[in-house]
């Protein structure tokens, strides 16, 4: 391989690497690749993988003048190594400067890649918040995903902080005032982490089909749920909330002074769960079991009604038969209304 007419700045790189970099219009400084704002961590990793060797990068944005006195008599004054993503395989250096006019020393700005006092680049800091807004992924698995693509592996608490920071930024974005319908669905989901569980509380505007509130808490106690709903419906209509059959919800809705409706799907599931052991048991006669099946169908027909008038008519028919409804079914929410 010839070295004829080889530029001096390629001294630490083989000819093939330098020529390829030249073709890509990537600039060099003192045998190091000049890192620009448009070149993120994936560009760095991609170049190292392409050339199958560790490369050295330098950040140099001195500008034309001294920061303090605006003199143009500024010279380079060595470099400082920057630890990026706690990865020893990424060699990035920040250029330091000395102004001969005022005597001040300073170094290049690198916030576009690595925020001040942070070990991780912006892409990694933003990834957990963005990803968790699209899918329920534990922080442990988020760390594994980041490690797979960037070789960095932030710990649980770091991931948690990044998600919180992302949520704060979203909350601070000016929003157009939305008037909610007053009819909501409330639910909560378990979000796993390496230390146990967090809880995702969600409030959905049932008529407008939009998420009114969606946040993660360390617990889902009655007071936590009440404050969550109260906070996010402040100065908004609050008429009715639909939930599953969790017993604690009734007292929460009473405190909020709001109509409480049970989700049809959960209500049906609870009835099936209630009568399934009865239908399998030998303690009940076939006539008693058939009675349970019959009134289960009547209840389900009310829930499946397509209009309010149809549901009301079926409910009135069921009220006339309330003496024949099995005792265990009478304790369910809809049958309690029939008995009243």
Protein backbone atom coordinates (compact mmCIF):
# COMPACT_ATOMS: atom_id res chain seq x y z
CA UNK A 1 0.00 0.00 0.00
CA UNK A 2 1.47 3.31 -1.07
CA UNK A 3 1.74 6.33 1.24
CA UNK A 4 2.50 8.81 -1.50
CA UNK A 5 0.84 12.22 -1.00
CA UNK A 6 -0.71 11.00 2.23
CA UNK A 7 -2.02 13.99 4.31
CA UNK A 8 -0.30 14.49 7.66
CA UNK A 9 -3.53 14.32 9.73
CA UNK A 10 -4.03 10.63 8.86
CA UNK A 11 -0.94 9.50 10.75
CA UNK A 12 -2.84 7.28 13.22
CA UNK A 13 -5.26 5.83 10.69
CA UNK A 14 -4.58 3.34 7.92
CA UNK A 15 -4.90 4.58 4.34
CA UNK A 16 -8.19 2.75 3.71
CA UNK A 17 -9.81 4.33 6.76
CA UNK A 18 -8.63 7.81 5.84
CA UNK A 19 -9.74 7.53 2.20
CA UNK A 20 -13.18 6.28 3.28
CA UNK A 21 -13.53 9.15 5.74
CA UNK A 22 -12.50 11.56 3.01
CA UNK A 23 -15.20 10.11 0.75
CA UNK A 24 -17.76 10.61 3.52
CA UNK A 25 -16.59 14.25 3.87
CA UNK A 26 -15.71 13.72 7.52
CA UNK A 27 -13.11 16.21 8.75
CA UNK A 28 -10.02 15.34 10.77
CA UNK A 29 -8.03 17.20 13.42
CA UNK A 30 -4.77 15.92 14.87
CA UNK A 31 -5.49 12.37 13.72
CA UNK A 32 -8.92 12.47 15.33
CA UNK A 33 -12.35 12.64 13.70
CA UNK A 34 -13.97 16.03 14.18
CA UNK A 35 -17.32 15.42 15.88
CA UNK A 36 -20.12 17.70 14.68
CA UNK A 37 -23.58 18.26 16.17
CA UNK A 38 -25.30 16.19 13.50
CA UNK A 39 -23.12 13.18 14.40
CA UNK A 40 -24.72 11.35 17.33
CA UNK A 41 -23.73 8.21 19.23
CA UNK A 42 -25.03 5.92 16.49
CA UNK A 43 -22.73 7.58 13.96
CA UNK A 44 -19.79 7.00 16.31
CA UNK A 45 -20.69 3.34 16.89
CA UNK A 46 -21.40 2.86 13.19
CA UNK A 47 -17.98 4.21 12.16
CA UNK A 48 -16.19 2.01 14.70
CA UNK A 49 -18.10 -1.05 13.54
CA UNK A 50 -17.49 -0.20 9.86
CA UNK A 51 -13.73 0.19 10.28
CA UNK A 52 -13.51 -2.60 12.89
CA UNK A 53 -11.30 -0.56 15.20
CA UNK A 54 -11.51 1.99 17.97
CA UNK A 55 -11.46 5.51 16.60
CA UNK A 56 -10.76 8.77 18.39
CA UNK A 57 -13.18 11.70 18.12
CA UNK A 58 -12.71 15.32 19.08
CA UNK A 59 -15.25 18.07 19.80
CA UNK A 60 -13.99 21.46 18.67
CA UNK A 61 -16.35 24.44 18.48
CA UNK A 62 -13.99 27.24 19.45
CA UNK A 63 -15.57 29.82 17.17
CA UNK A 64 -13.76 32.96 16.03
CA UNK A 65 -13.49 34.81 19.36
CA UNK A 66 -12.70 34.36 23.06
CA UNK A 67 -15.82 33.87 25.18
CA UNK A 68 -14.75 36.50 27.70
CA UNK A 69 -12.94 39.29 25.85
CA UNK A 70 -13.95 38.59 22.21
CA UNK A 71 -10.29 38.53 21.18
CA UNK A 72 -9.33 36.42 18.20
CA UNK A 73 -5.96 35.59 19.73
CA UNK A 74 -7.10 32.12 20.95
CA UNK A 75 -4.95 28.99 20.66
CA UNK A 76 -5.53 25.29 21.35
CA UNK A 77 -4.39 24.12 24.77
CA UNK A 78 -4.61 20.33 24.83
CA UNK A 79 -7.70 18.13 25.22
CA UNK A 80 -9.72 16.46 27.96
CA UNK A 81 -11.08 12.91 27.73
CA UNK A 82 -14.87 12.64 28.12
CA UNK A 83 -16.43 9.51 29.60
CA UNK A 84 -19.45 8.74 27.42
CA UNK A 85 -22.06 6.14 28.46
CA UNK A 86 -19.50 4.72 30.91
CA UNK A 87 -18.03 2.92 27.90
CA UNK A 88 -14.24 2.59 27.68
CA UNK A 89 -14.51 1.76 23.97
CA UNK A 90 -15.71 5.26 23.04
CA UNK A 91 -12.86 7.75 22.91
CA UNK A 92 -14.11 11.33 22.74
CA UNK A 93 -11.99 14.36 23.57
CA UNK A 94 -13.00 17.95 24.17
CA UNK A 95 -10.67 20.65 22.86
CA UNK A 96 -9.33 23.11 25.47
CA UNK A 97 -8.36 26.69 24.65
CA UNK A 98 -6.22 29.56 25.95
CA UNK A 99 -6.81 33.22 25.17
CA UNK A 100 -3.48 35.07 24.99
CA UNK A 101 -5.22 38.41 25.29
CA UNK A 102 -7.09 37.99 28.62
CA UNK A 103 -5.29 34.87 29.83
CA UNK A 104 -8.51 32.85 30.33
CA UNK A 105 -8.64 29.07 29.85
CA UNK A 106 -11.81 27.28 28.78
CA UNK A 107 -12.94 24.22 26.86
CA UNK A 108 -15.40 23.42 24.08
CA UNK A 109 -19.13 23.05 24.64
CA UNK A 110 -20.36 19.45 24.34
CA UNK A 111 -23.98 19.65 25.56
CA UNK A 112 -25.26 18.63 22.11
CA UNK A 113 -23.85 15.16 22.80
CA UNK A 114 -23.37 14.89 26.56
CA UNK A 115 -25.35 17.13 28.97
CA UNK A 116 -23.45 18.76 31.80
CA UNK A 117 -22.85 16.49 34.83
CA UNK A 118 -24.26 13.48 32.96
CA UNK A 119 -22.64 10.16 32.07
CA UNK A 120 -25.13 9.39 29.30
CA UNK A 121 -25.83 11.04 25.97
CA UNK A 122 -29.13 12.73 25.06
CA UNK A 123 -30.40 9.81 22.94
CA UNK A 124 -30.15 7.44 25.91
CA UNK A 125 -31.66 9.98 28.32
CA UNK A 126 -34.71 10.46 26.08
CA UNK A 127 -35.20 6.81 25.05
CA UNK A 128 -36.86 5.45 28.27
CA UNK A 129 -39.50 8.19 28.42
CA UNK A 130 -40.34 7.92 24.73
CA UNK A 131 -40.50 4.11 24.78
CA UNK A 132 -42.54 3.84 27.99
CA UNK A 133 -45.13 6.20 26.47
CA UNK A 134 -45.70 3.68 23.66
CA UNK A 135 -45.50 0.37 25.51
CA UNK A 136 -45.40 -1.02 29.04
CA UNK A 137 -41.77 -2.10 29.39
CA UNK A 138 -40.07 -2.64 32.74
CA UNK A 139 -37.06 -0.46 33.55
CA UNK A 140 -34.89 -3.54 33.71
CA UNK A 141 -35.81 -4.44 30.13
CA UNK A 142 -35.38 -0.82 29.00
CA UNK A 143 -31.83 -1.01 30.31
CA UNK A 144 -31.26 -4.25 28.36
CA UNK A 145 -32.61 -2.68 25.13
CA UNK A 146 -30.31 0.34 25.52
CA UNK A 147 -27.35 -1.98 26.20
CA UNK A 148 -28.09 -3.99 23.05
CA UNK A 149 -27.98 -0.97 20.75
CA UNK A 150 -25.46 1.34 22.43
CA UNK A 151 -23.37 -0.86 24.76
CA UNK A 152 -24.43 1.40 27.66
CA UNK A 153 -26.41 -0.06 30.57
CA UNK A 154 -28.02 2.56 32.86
CA UNK A 155 -29.15 1.28 36.28
CA UNK A 156 -32.80 1.19 37.47
CA UNK A 157 -32.77 4.55 39.27
CA UNK A 158 -31.20 6.30 36.27
CA UNK A 159 -33.92 4.92 33.97
CA UNK A 160 -36.58 6.03 36.47
CA UNK A 161 -35.17 9.58 36.57
CA UNK A 162 -35.09 9.81 32.78
CA UNK A 163 -38.77 8.74 32.55
CA UNK A 164 -39.72 11.34 35.18
CA UNK A 165 -37.76 14.07 33.36
CA UNK A 166 -39.50 13.19 30.09
CA UNK A 167 -42.92 13.31 31.81
CA UNK A 168 -42.08 16.74 33.29
CA UNK A 169 -41.17 18.07 29.85
CA UNK A 170 -44.46 16.81 28.40
CA UNK A 171 -46.45 18.40 31.24
CA UNK A 172 -44.73 21.74 30.64
CA UNK A 173 -45.69 21.84 26.95
CA UNK A 174 -48.44 24.47 26.53
CA UNK A 175 -51.68 22.66 25.79
CA UNK A 176 -54.85 23.85 24.16
CA UNK A 177 -57.60 23.94 26.78
CA UNK A 178 -59.76 20.82 26.39
CA UNK A 179 -63.22 20.57 27.90
CA UNK A 180 -63.77 16.96 28.93
CA UNK A 181 -67.15 15.25 28.69
CA UNK A 182 -67.47 14.34 32.37
CA UNK A 183 -67.84 10.62 31.58
CA UNK A 184 -64.68 8.65 32.30
CA UNK A 185 -63.19 5.19 32.45
CA UNK A 186 -60.62 4.53 35.17
CA UNK A 187 -58.18 1.63 35.30
CA UNK A 188 -54.80 0.75 36.73
CA UNK A 189 -52.04 -1.54 35.50
CA UNK A 190 -49.08 -3.16 37.19
CA UNK A 191 -45.71 -1.97 35.86
CA UNK A 192 -42.86 -4.30 36.77
CA UNK A 193 -39.40 -3.20 37.81
CA UNK A 194 -36.41 -4.95 39.33
CA UNK A 195 -37.56 -4.04 42.87
CA UNK A 196 -41.22 -5.02 42.57
CA UNK A 197 -44.18 -3.14 41.13
CA UNK A 198 -45.27 0.38 40.28
CA UNK A 199 -48.82 1.29 39.25
CA UNK A 200 -49.97 3.05 36.10
CA UNK A 201 -53.19 4.99 36.78
CA UNK A 202 -55.19 5.96 33.69
CA UNK A 203 -58.27 8.14 33.27
CA UNK A 204 -59.95 8.11 29.84
CA UNK A 205 -62.63 10.49 28.59
CA UNK A 206 -65.22 7.94 27.47
CA UNK A 207 -67.10 10.18 25.01
CA UNK A 208 -64.18 12.08 23.47
CA UNK A 209 -62.03 8.91 23.35
CA UNK A 210 -58.93 10.65 24.68
CA UNK A 211 -56.62 10.02 27.63
CA UNK A 212 -57.40 12.60 30.30
CA UNK A 213 -54.55 11.51 32.59
CA UNK A 214 -51.92 8.77 32.66
CA UNK A 215 -49.28 8.58 35.41
CA UNK A 216 -47.13 6.09 37.30
CA UNK A 217 -47.26 5.87 41.10
CA UNK A 218 -45.51 3.75 43.70
CA UNK A 219 -48.87 2.60 45.16
CA UNK A 220 -52.57 2.54 44.26
CA UNK A 221 -54.10 3.05 47.69
CA UNK A 222 -57.55 4.63 48.01
CA UNK A 223 -56.16 8.07 48.81
CA UNK A 224 -53.71 7.93 45.87
CA UNK A 225 -56.48 7.02 43.42
CA UNK A 226 -58.85 9.66 44.83
CA UNK A 227 -56.24 12.43 44.55
CA UNK A 228 -55.29 11.31 41.03
CA UNK A 229 -58.90 11.57 39.79
CA UNK A 230 -59.59 14.75 41.75
CA UNK A 231 -56.46 16.50 40.43
CA UNK A 232 -57.08 15.65 36.77
CA UNK A 233 -60.78 16.51 36.78
CA UNK A 234 -60.30 19.86 38.53
CA UNK A 235 -62.33 22.56 36.75
CA UNK A 236 -63.71 19.85 34.45
CA UNK A 237 -67.15 18.17 34.37
CA UNK A 238 -67.32 15.09 36.61
CA UNK A 239 -70.54 13.11 36.09
CA UNK A 240 -69.75 9.38 36.03
CA UNK A 241 -66.78 7.01 36.20
CA UNK A 242 -66.72 3.42 34.97
CA UNK A 243 -64.39 0.95 36.69
CA UNK A 244 -63.95 -2.78 37.16
CA UNK A 245 -65.43 -4.53 40.18
CA UNK A 246 -62.68 -3.76 42.70
CA UNK A 247 -64.47 -3.18 46.02
CA UNK A 248 -62.42 -0.13 47.09
CA UNK A 249 -63.65 1.91 44.09
CA UNK A 250 -67.16 2.29 45.51
CA UNK A 251 -66.00 4.28 48.55
CA UNK A 252 -63.64 6.38 46.39
CA UNK A 253 -66.51 7.36 44.06
CA UNK A 254 -68.69 8.17 47.07
CA UNK A 255 -66.00 10.53 48.37
CA UNK A 256 -65.80 12.19 44.94
CA UNK A 257 -69.62 12.39 44.83
CA UNK A 258 -69.74 10.93 41.33
CA UNK A 259 -71.95 8.27 39.71
CA UNK A 260 -70.16 4.91 39.68
CA UNK A 261 -70.73 2.37 36.92
CA UNK A 262 -69.19 -1.09 36.62
CA UNK A 263 -67.55 -2.17 33.38
CA UNK A 264 -69.82 -4.65 31.54
CA UNK A 265 -66.96 -7.00 30.63
CA UNK A 266 -65.70 -7.16 34.22
CA UNK A 267 -69.26 -7.53 35.55
CA UNK A 268 -69.92 -10.51 33.25
CA UNK A 269 -66.61 -12.07 34.22
CA UNK A 270 -67.44 -11.72 37.91
CA UNK A 271 -70.84 -13.38 37.44
CA UNK A 272 -69.26 -16.28 35.54
CA UNK A 273 -66.67 -16.58 38.29
CA UNK A 274 -69.47 -16.62 40.88
CA UNK A 275 -71.67 -19.32 39.35
CA UNK A 276 -68.98 -21.54 37.79
CA UNK A 277 -68.30 -23.47 41.07
CA UNK A 278 -72.07 -23.85 41.57
CA UNK A 279 -72.58 -25.41 38.15
CA UNK A 280 -69.75 -27.87 38.83
CA UNK A 281 -70.86 -28.72 42.35
CA UNK A 282 -72.88 -31.83 43.24
CA UNK A 283 -74.57 -29.98 46.15
CA UNK A 284 -77.00 -28.26 43.76
CA UNK A 285 -79.78 -29.97 41.81
CA UNK A 286 -80.05 -29.68 38.03
CA UNK A 287 -83.11 -27.49 38.51
CA UNK A 288 -81.15 -25.05 40.71
CA UNK A 289 -78.26 -24.97 38.22
CA UNK A 290 -80.67 -24.29 35.36
CA UNK A 291 -82.14 -21.44 37.38
CA UNK A 292 -78.66 -19.87 37.70
CA UNK A 293 -78.08 -20.27 33.94
CA UNK A 294 -81.45 -18.73 33.11
CA UNK A 295 -80.99 -15.58 35.21
CA UNK A 296 -77.39 -15.19 34.09
CA UNK A 297 -78.70 -15.00 30.51
CA UNK A 298 -81.34 -12.44 31.53
CA UNK A 299 -78.70 -10.24 33.18
CA UNK A 300 -76.38 -10.51 30.17
CA UNK A 301 -79.23 -9.52 27.83
CA UNK A 302 -79.72 -6.31 29.82
CA UNK A 303 -76.02 -5.53 29.56
CA UNK A 304 -75.98 -6.28 25.82
CA UNK A 305 -78.98 -4.03 25.05
CA UNK A 306 -78.30 -1.61 22.20
CA UNK A 307 -80.60 1.16 23.50
CA UNK A 308 -81.51 2.58 26.89
CA UNK A 309 -85.25 1.82 26.34
CA UNK A 310 -84.47 -1.83 25.54
CA UNK A 311 -82.32 -2.20 28.68
CA UNK A 312 -84.97 -0.49 30.83
CA UNK A 313 -87.71 -2.82 29.53
CA UNK A 314 -85.67 -5.94 30.23
CA UNK A 315 -84.82 -4.65 33.71
CA UNK A 316 -88.53 -4.15 34.46
CA UNK A 317 -89.24 -7.72 33.36
CA UNK A 318 -86.48 -8.99 35.62
CA UNK A 319 -87.88 -7.00 38.57
CA UNK A 320 -91.16 -8.92 38.33
CA UNK A 321 -89.19 -12.15 38.81
CA UNK A 322 -86.98 -10.95 41.67
CA UNK A 323 -88.35 -13.56 44.10
CA UNK A 324 -87.04 -16.33 41.86
CA UNK A 325 -83.51 -14.94 41.38
CA UNK A 326 -80.96 -17.17 43.20
CA UNK A 327 -79.66 -15.61 46.42
CA UNK A 328 -76.01 -15.45 45.32
CA UNK A 329 -76.95 -13.60 42.12
CA UNK A 330 -79.05 -11.16 44.15
CA UNK A 331 -75.85 -9.88 45.79
CA UNK A 332 -74.43 -8.67 42.48
CA UNK A 333 -74.71 -4.98 41.59
CA UNK A 334 -77.44 -5.17 38.89
CA UNK A 335 -79.61 -7.55 40.90
CA UNK A 336 -79.34 -5.26 43.93
CA UNK A 337 -80.98 -2.56 41.78
CA UNK A 338 -83.69 -5.09 40.83
CA UNK A 339 -84.37 -5.82 44.49
CA UNK A 340 -84.52 -2.12 45.45
